[in-house]
Amino acid sequence: MTLDFSKTILEKVSFDRYLFNKELKKLVIWLGEEDEEVKDLYNWCQDKYGNQYPDIINQAFENKRFID
């Protein structure tokens, strides 16, 4: 449920770089220590927006343990 909500928010703001960055950072904080959901969100973001916003995605998730 939480992951679906996160994806919906990002899809709605993906037209704007600033909004995408802002909302992604908020969602990563909101998901907190839910490692599996954060990892799923990271993978989804990479698949869907990795070509468009690779720097934003990497920066938002840089402090998570599963990222190399």
C-alpha atoms as a PDB file:
ATOM      1  CA  MET A   1       0.000   0.000   0.000  1.00  0.00           C
ATOM      2  CA  THR A   2       2.713   2.458   1.007  1.00  0.00           C
ATOM      3  CA  LEU A   3       4.827   1.588  -1.999  1.00  0.00           C
ATOM      4  CA  ASP A   4       1.907   2.048  -4.380  1.00  0.00           C
ATOM      5  CA  PHE A   5       1.186   5.453  -2.852  1.00  0.00           C
ATOM      6  CA  SER A   6       4.832   6.445  -3.288  1.00  0.00           C
ATOM      7  CA  LYS A   7       4.825   5.413  -6.935  1.00  0.00           C
ATOM      8  CA  THR A   8       1.613   7.348  -7.593  1.00  0.00           C
ATOM      9  CA  ILE A   9       3.078  10.527  -6.114  1.00  0.00           C
ATOM     10  CA  LEU A  10       6.258  10.241  -8.177  1.00  0.00           C
ATOM     11  CA  GLU A  11       4.347   9.543 -11.377  1.00  0.00           C
ATOM     12  CA  LYS A  12       2.272  12.683 -10.844  1.00  0.00           C
ATOM     13  CA  VAL A  13       5.301  14.946 -10.333  1.00  0.00           C
ATOM     14  CA  SER A  14       7.710  13.308 -12.787  1.00  0.00           C
ATOM     15  CA  PHE A  15       7.177  16.080 -15.334  1.00  0.00           C
ATOM     16  CA  ASP A  16       9.151  18.490 -13.137  1.00  0.00           C
ATOM     17  CA  ARG A  17      12.720  17.839 -11.988  1.00  0.00           C
ATOM     18  CA  TYR A  18      12.417  19.985  -8.854  1.00  0.00           C
ATOM     19  CA  LEU A  19       9.144  18.382  -7.718  1.00  0.00           C
ATOM     20  CA  PHE A  20      10.415  14.882  -8.432  1.00  0.00           C
ATOM     21  CA  ASN A  21      13.513  15.533  -6.328  1.00  0.00           C
ATOM     22  CA  LYS A  22      11.513  17.049  -3.474  1.00  0.00           C
ATOM     23  CA  GLU A  23       8.915  14.275  -3.358  1.00  0.00           C
ATOM     24  CA  LEU A  24      11.421  11.447  -3.715  1.00  0.00           C
ATOM     25  CA  LYS A  25      13.442  12.744  -0.768  1.00  0.00           C
ATOM     26  CA  LYS A  26      10.275  13.030   1.329  1.00  0.00           C
ATOM     27  CA  LEU A  27       9.183   9.513   0.412  1.00  0.00           C
ATOM     28  CA  VAL A  28      12.549   7.983   1.291  1.00  0.00           C
ATOM     29  CA  ILE A  29      12.353   9.655   4.711  1.00  0.00           C
ATOM     30  CA  TRP A  30       8.692   8.649   5.102  1.00  0.00           C
ATOM     31  CA  LEU A  31       9.463   5.005   4.361  1.00  0.00           C
ATOM     32  CA  GLY A  32      12.241   5.213   6.946  1.00  0.00           C
ATOM     33  CA  GLU A  33      13.689   1.894   7.953  1.00  0.00           C
ATOM     34  CA  GLU A  34      11.332  -0.212   5.855  1.00  0.00           C
ATOM     35  CA  ASP A  35      14.323  -1.609   3.983  1.00  0.00           C
ATOM     36  CA  GLU A  36      12.371  -3.854   1.648  1.00  0.00           C
ATOM     37  CA  GLU A  37       9.991  -1.073   0.574  1.00  0.00           C
ATOM     38  CA  VAL A  38      12.840   1.404   0.171  1.00  0.00           C
ATOM     39  CA  LYS A  39      14.744  -1.100  -1.949  1.00  0.00           C
ATOM     40  CA  ASP A  40      11.648  -1.786  -4.056  1.00  0.00           C
ATOM     41  CA  LEU A  41      11.106   1.953  -4.531  1.00  0.00           C
ATOM     42  CA  TYR A  42      14.747   2.394  -5.545  1.00  0.00           C
ATOM     43  CA  ASN A  43      14.502  -0.399  -8.129  1.00  0.00           C
ATOM     44  CA  TRP A  44      11.223   0.979  -9.473  1.00  0.00           C
ATOM     45  CA  CYS A  45      12.699   4.497  -9.744  1.00  0.00           C
ATOM     46  CA  GLN A  46      15.750   3.163 -11.571  1.00  0.00           C
ATOM     47  CA  ASP A  47      13.587   1.202 -14.004  1.00  0.00           C
ATOM     48  CA  LYS A  48      11.096   3.975 -14.674  1.00  0.00           C
ATOM     49  CA  TYR A  49      13.130   7.194 -14.270  1.00  0.00           C
ATOM     50  CA  GLY A  50      16.762   6.067 -14.275  1.00  0.00           C
ATOM     51  CA  ASN A  51      17.436   7.634 -17.664  1.00  0.00           C
ATOM     52  CA  GLN A  52      15.636  10.871 -16.838  1.00  0.00           C
ATOM     53  CA  TYR A  53      16.773  11.526 -13.252  1.00  0.00           C
ATOM     54  CA  PRO A  54      19.738   9.254 -12.407  1.00  0.00           C
ATOM     55  CA  ASP A  55      21.472  11.873 -10.262  1.00  0.00           C
ATOM     56  CA  ILE A  56      18.353  12.622  -8.216  1.00  0.00           C
ATOM     57  CA  ILE A  57      17.635   8.947  -7.613  1.00  0.00           C
ATOM     58  CA  ASN A  58      21.190   8.145  -6.568  1.00  0.00           C
ATOM     59  CA  GLN A  59      21.347  11.131  -4.250  1.00  0.00           C
ATOM     60  CA  ALA A  60      18.007  10.344  -2.585  1.00  0.00           C
ATOM     61  CA  PHE A  61      19.067   6.782  -1.806  1.00  0.00           C
ATOM     62  CA  GLU A  62      22.786   7.349  -1.165  1.00  0.00           C
ATOM     63  CA  ASN A  63      22.604   6.604   2.571  1.00  0.00           C
ATOM     64  CA  LYS A  64      20.793   3.298   2.191  1.00  0.00           C
ATOM     65  CA  ARG A  65      22.760   0.127   2.872  1.00  0.00           C
ATOM     66  CA  PHE A  66      21.702  -1.794  -0.237  1.00  0.00           C
ATOM     67  CA  ILE A  67      23.194   0.733  -2.667  1.00  0.00           C
ATOM     68  CA  ASP A  68      26.763   0.193  -3.848  1.00  0.00           C
END
